[in-house]
C-alpha atoms as a PDB file:
ATOM      1  CA  MET A   1       7.270 -36.874 -19.495  1.00  0.00           C
ATOM      2  CA  ARG A   2       4.034 -37.829 -18.576  1.00  0.00           C
ATOM      3  CA  ILE A   3       2.196 -41.175 -18.536  1.00  0.00           C
ATOM      4  CA  ARG A   4      -1.788 -41.166 -19.942  1.00  0.00           C
ATOM      5  CA  TRP A   5      -3.504 -44.468 -19.777  1.00  0.00           C
ATOM      6  CA  THR A   6      -6.258 -44.552 -22.507  1.00  0.00           C
ATOM      7  CA  PRO A   7      -9.537 -45.808 -21.200  1.00  0.00           C
ATOM      8  CA  ALA A   8      -8.838 -49.008 -23.169  1.00  0.00           C
ATOM      9  CA  ALA A   9      -5.417 -49.209 -21.504  1.00  0.00           C
ATOM     10  CA  ALA A  10      -6.740 -49.018 -18.026  1.00  0.00           C
ATOM     11  CA  ALA A  11      -9.610 -51.364 -19.206  1.00  0.00           C
ATOM     12  CA  ASP A  12      -7.054 -53.919 -20.068  1.00  0.00           C
ATOM     13  CA  LEU A  13      -5.004 -53.529 -17.020  1.00  0.00           C
ATOM     14  CA  GLN A  14      -8.125 -54.195 -15.108  1.00  0.00           C
ATOM     15  CA  GLN A  15      -8.772 -56.906 -17.024  1.00  0.00           C
ATOM     16  CA  ILE A  16      -5.793 -58.472 -16.249  1.00  0.00           C
ATOM     17  CA  SER A  17      -6.088 -58.150 -12.605  1.00  0.00           C
ATOM     18  CA  ASP A  18      -9.778 -59.326 -12.663  1.00  0.00           C
ATOM     19  CA  TYR A  19      -8.409 -62.720 -14.527  1.00  0.00           C
ATOM     20  CA  LEU A  20      -5.603 -62.867 -11.955  1.00  0.00           C
ATOM     21  CA  ARG A  21      -7.529 -62.487  -8.969  1.00  0.00           C
ATOM     22  CA  ASN A  22      -9.969 -65.558 -10.425  1.00  0.00           C
ATOM     23  CA  HIS A  23      -7.645 -67.677 -11.192  1.00  0.00           C
ATOM     24  CA  HIS A  24      -4.264 -66.884  -9.945  1.00  0.00           C
ATOM     25  CA  PRO A  25      -4.765 -64.700  -6.884  1.00  0.00           C
ATOM     26  CA  SER A  26      -1.076 -64.956  -5.540  1.00  0.00           C
ATOM     27  CA  TYR A  27       0.371 -63.729  -8.831  1.00  0.00           C
ATOM     28  CA  ARG A  28      -2.323 -60.623  -9.273  1.00  0.00           C
ATOM     29  CA  GLN A  29      -0.519 -58.243  -7.021  1.00  0.00           C
ATOM     30  CA  PRO A  30       3.069 -58.532  -8.323  1.00  0.00           C
ATOM     31  CA  THR A  31       1.972 -59.130 -11.859  1.00  0.00           C
ATOM     32  CA  VAL A  32       0.182 -55.858 -11.859  1.00  0.00           C
ATOM     33  CA  ARG A  33       2.669 -53.794  -9.727  1.00  0.00           C
ATOM     34  CA  LYS A  34       5.219 -55.067 -12.487  1.00  0.00           C
ATOM     35  CA  LEU A  35       3.219 -53.770 -15.172  1.00  0.00           C
ATOM     36  CA  TYR A  36       2.442 -50.303 -13.571  1.00  0.00           C
ATOM     37  CA  ASP A  37       6.111 -49.991 -12.734  1.00  0.00           C
ATOM     38  CA  LEU A  38       7.564 -51.305 -15.807  1.00  0.00           C
ATOM     39  CA  VAL A  39       5.122 -48.521 -17.684  1.00  0.00           C
ATOM     40  CA  ARG A  40       6.006 -45.813 -15.670  1.00  0.00           C
ATOM     41  CA  ALA A  41       9.763 -46.258 -16.276  1.00  0.00           C
ATOM     42  CA  LEU A  42       9.028 -45.099 -19.800  1.00  0.00           C
ATOM     43  CA  LYS A  43       9.104 -41.634 -18.327  1.00  0.00           C
ATOM     44  CA  GLN A  44      12.961 -42.162 -18.160  1.00  0.00           C
ATOM     45  CA  TRP A  45      13.298 -44.227 -21.296  1.00  0.00           C
ATOM     46  CA  PRO A  46      10.522 -43.624 -23.451  1.00  0.00           C
ATOM     47  CA  GLN A  47      12.374 -45.067 -26.579  1.00  0.00           C
ATOM     48  CA  GLN A  48      12.841 -48.684 -24.437  1.00  0.00           C
ATOM     49  CA  GLY A  49      10.018 -50.204 -26.362  1.00  0.00           C
ATOM     50  CA  ARG A  50      10.843 -51.833 -30.071  1.00  0.00           C
ATOM     51  CA  LYS A  51       8.712 -50.359 -33.234  1.00  0.00           C
ATOM     52  CA  GLY A  52       5.106 -50.986 -32.756  1.00  0.00           C
ATOM     53  CA  ARG A  53       3.044 -52.962 -35.652  1.00  0.00           C
ATOM     54  CA  GLU A  54       1.115 -49.668 -36.389  1.00  0.00           C
ATOM     55  CA  GLN A  55       3.136 -47.031 -37.526  1.00  0.00           C
ATOM     56  CA  GLY A  56       3.947 -44.178 -34.768  1.00  0.00           C
ATOM     57  CA  THR A  57       3.660 -46.895 -31.907  1.00  0.00           C
ATOM     58  CA  ARG A  58       5.982 -48.876 -29.586  1.00  0.00           C
ATOM     59  CA  GLU A  59       5.771 -52.098 -28.040  1.00  0.00           C
ATOM     60  CA  LEU A  60       7.302 -52.512 -24.585  1.00  0.00           C
ATOM     61  CA  VAL A  61       7.420 -56.337 -23.526  1.00  0.00           C
ATOM     62  CA  PHE A  62       7.224 -57.190 -20.034  1.00  0.00           C
ATOM     63  CA  SER A  63       9.432 -60.154 -20.141  1.00  0.00           C
ATOM     64  CA  PRO A  64       9.250 -62.897 -18.857  1.00  0.00           C
ATOM     65  CA  LEU A  65       5.434 -62.031 -18.174  1.00  0.00           C
ATOM     66  CA  PRO A  66       3.247 -62.489 -21.350  1.00  0.00           C
ATOM     67  CA  TYR A  67       1.807 -59.196 -22.138  1.00  0.00           C
ATOM     68  CA  VAL A  68       2.834 -56.612 -24.310  1.00  0.00           C
ATOM     69  CA  ALA A  69       1.969 -52.356 -23.937  1.00  0.00           C
ATOM     70  CA  VAL A  70       1.358 -50.398 -27.301  1.00  0.00           C
ATOM     71  CA  TYR A  71       2.132 -46.880 -26.745  1.00  0.00           C
ATOM     72  CA  ARG A  72       2.913 -43.838 -28.364  1.00  0.00           C
ATOM     73  CA  ILE A  73       5.075 -40.972 -27.661  1.00  0.00           C
ATOM     74  CA  ARG A  74       3.585 -37.377 -27.741  1.00  0.00           C
ATOM     75  CA  ASP A  75       5.183 -34.205 -27.278  1.00  0.00           C
ATOM     76  CA  GLN A  76       5.580 -33.991 -23.549  1.00  0.00           C
ATOM     77  CA  SER A  77       4.016 -37.334 -22.800  1.00  0.00           C
ATOM     78  CA  ILE A  78       3.271 -41.071 -23.376  1.00  0.00           C
ATOM     79  CA  GLU A  79      -0.009 -42.527 -24.188  1.00  0.00           C
ATOM     80  CA  ILE A  80      -0.574 -46.031 -23.063  1.00  0.00           C
ATOM     81  CA  LEU A  81      -3.011 -47.387 -26.038  1.00  0.00           C
ATOM     82  CA  ARG A  82      -3.621 -51.082 -24.992  1.00  0.00           C
ATOM     83  CA  ILE A  83      -1.918 -54.035 -23.046  1.00  0.00           C
ATOM     84  CA  TYR A  84      -2.171 -57.219 -24.715  1.00  0.00           C
ATOM     85  CA  HIS A  85      -1.582 -60.900 -23.384  1.00  0.00           C
ATOM     86  CA  THR A  86       0.772 -62.383 -26.167  1.00  0.00           C
ATOM     87  CA  ALA A  87      -1.448 -65.006 -27.284  1.00  0.00           C
ATOM     88  CA  GLN A  88      -4.262 -62.620 -27.974  1.00  0.00           C
ATOM     89  CA  ASP A  89      -5.072 -62.095 -31.284  1.00  0.00           C
ATOM     90  CA  ARG A  90      -4.547 -58.415 -32.360  1.00  0.00           C
ATOM     91  CA  SER A  91      -5.412 -58.079 -35.745  1.00  0.00           C
END
């Protein structure tokens, strides 16, 4: 399986990194690394996320971090659609 980041998901990860750099610099590197590593783990276990809010999607919760990745499984790839903060309004 291959991981493919949509432009929106890549921008979400960059915004998380930028926010942490400006507000909590000591958490930036370990947080971004954990998010990236857990997404990479989807290659081995693509079904590990819960069923998503939108049909055909799944959600990977980054516990204890307050983030969730929305993704979709394609034929031979996993498409990361977005990464949200759990307090964010997703409507």
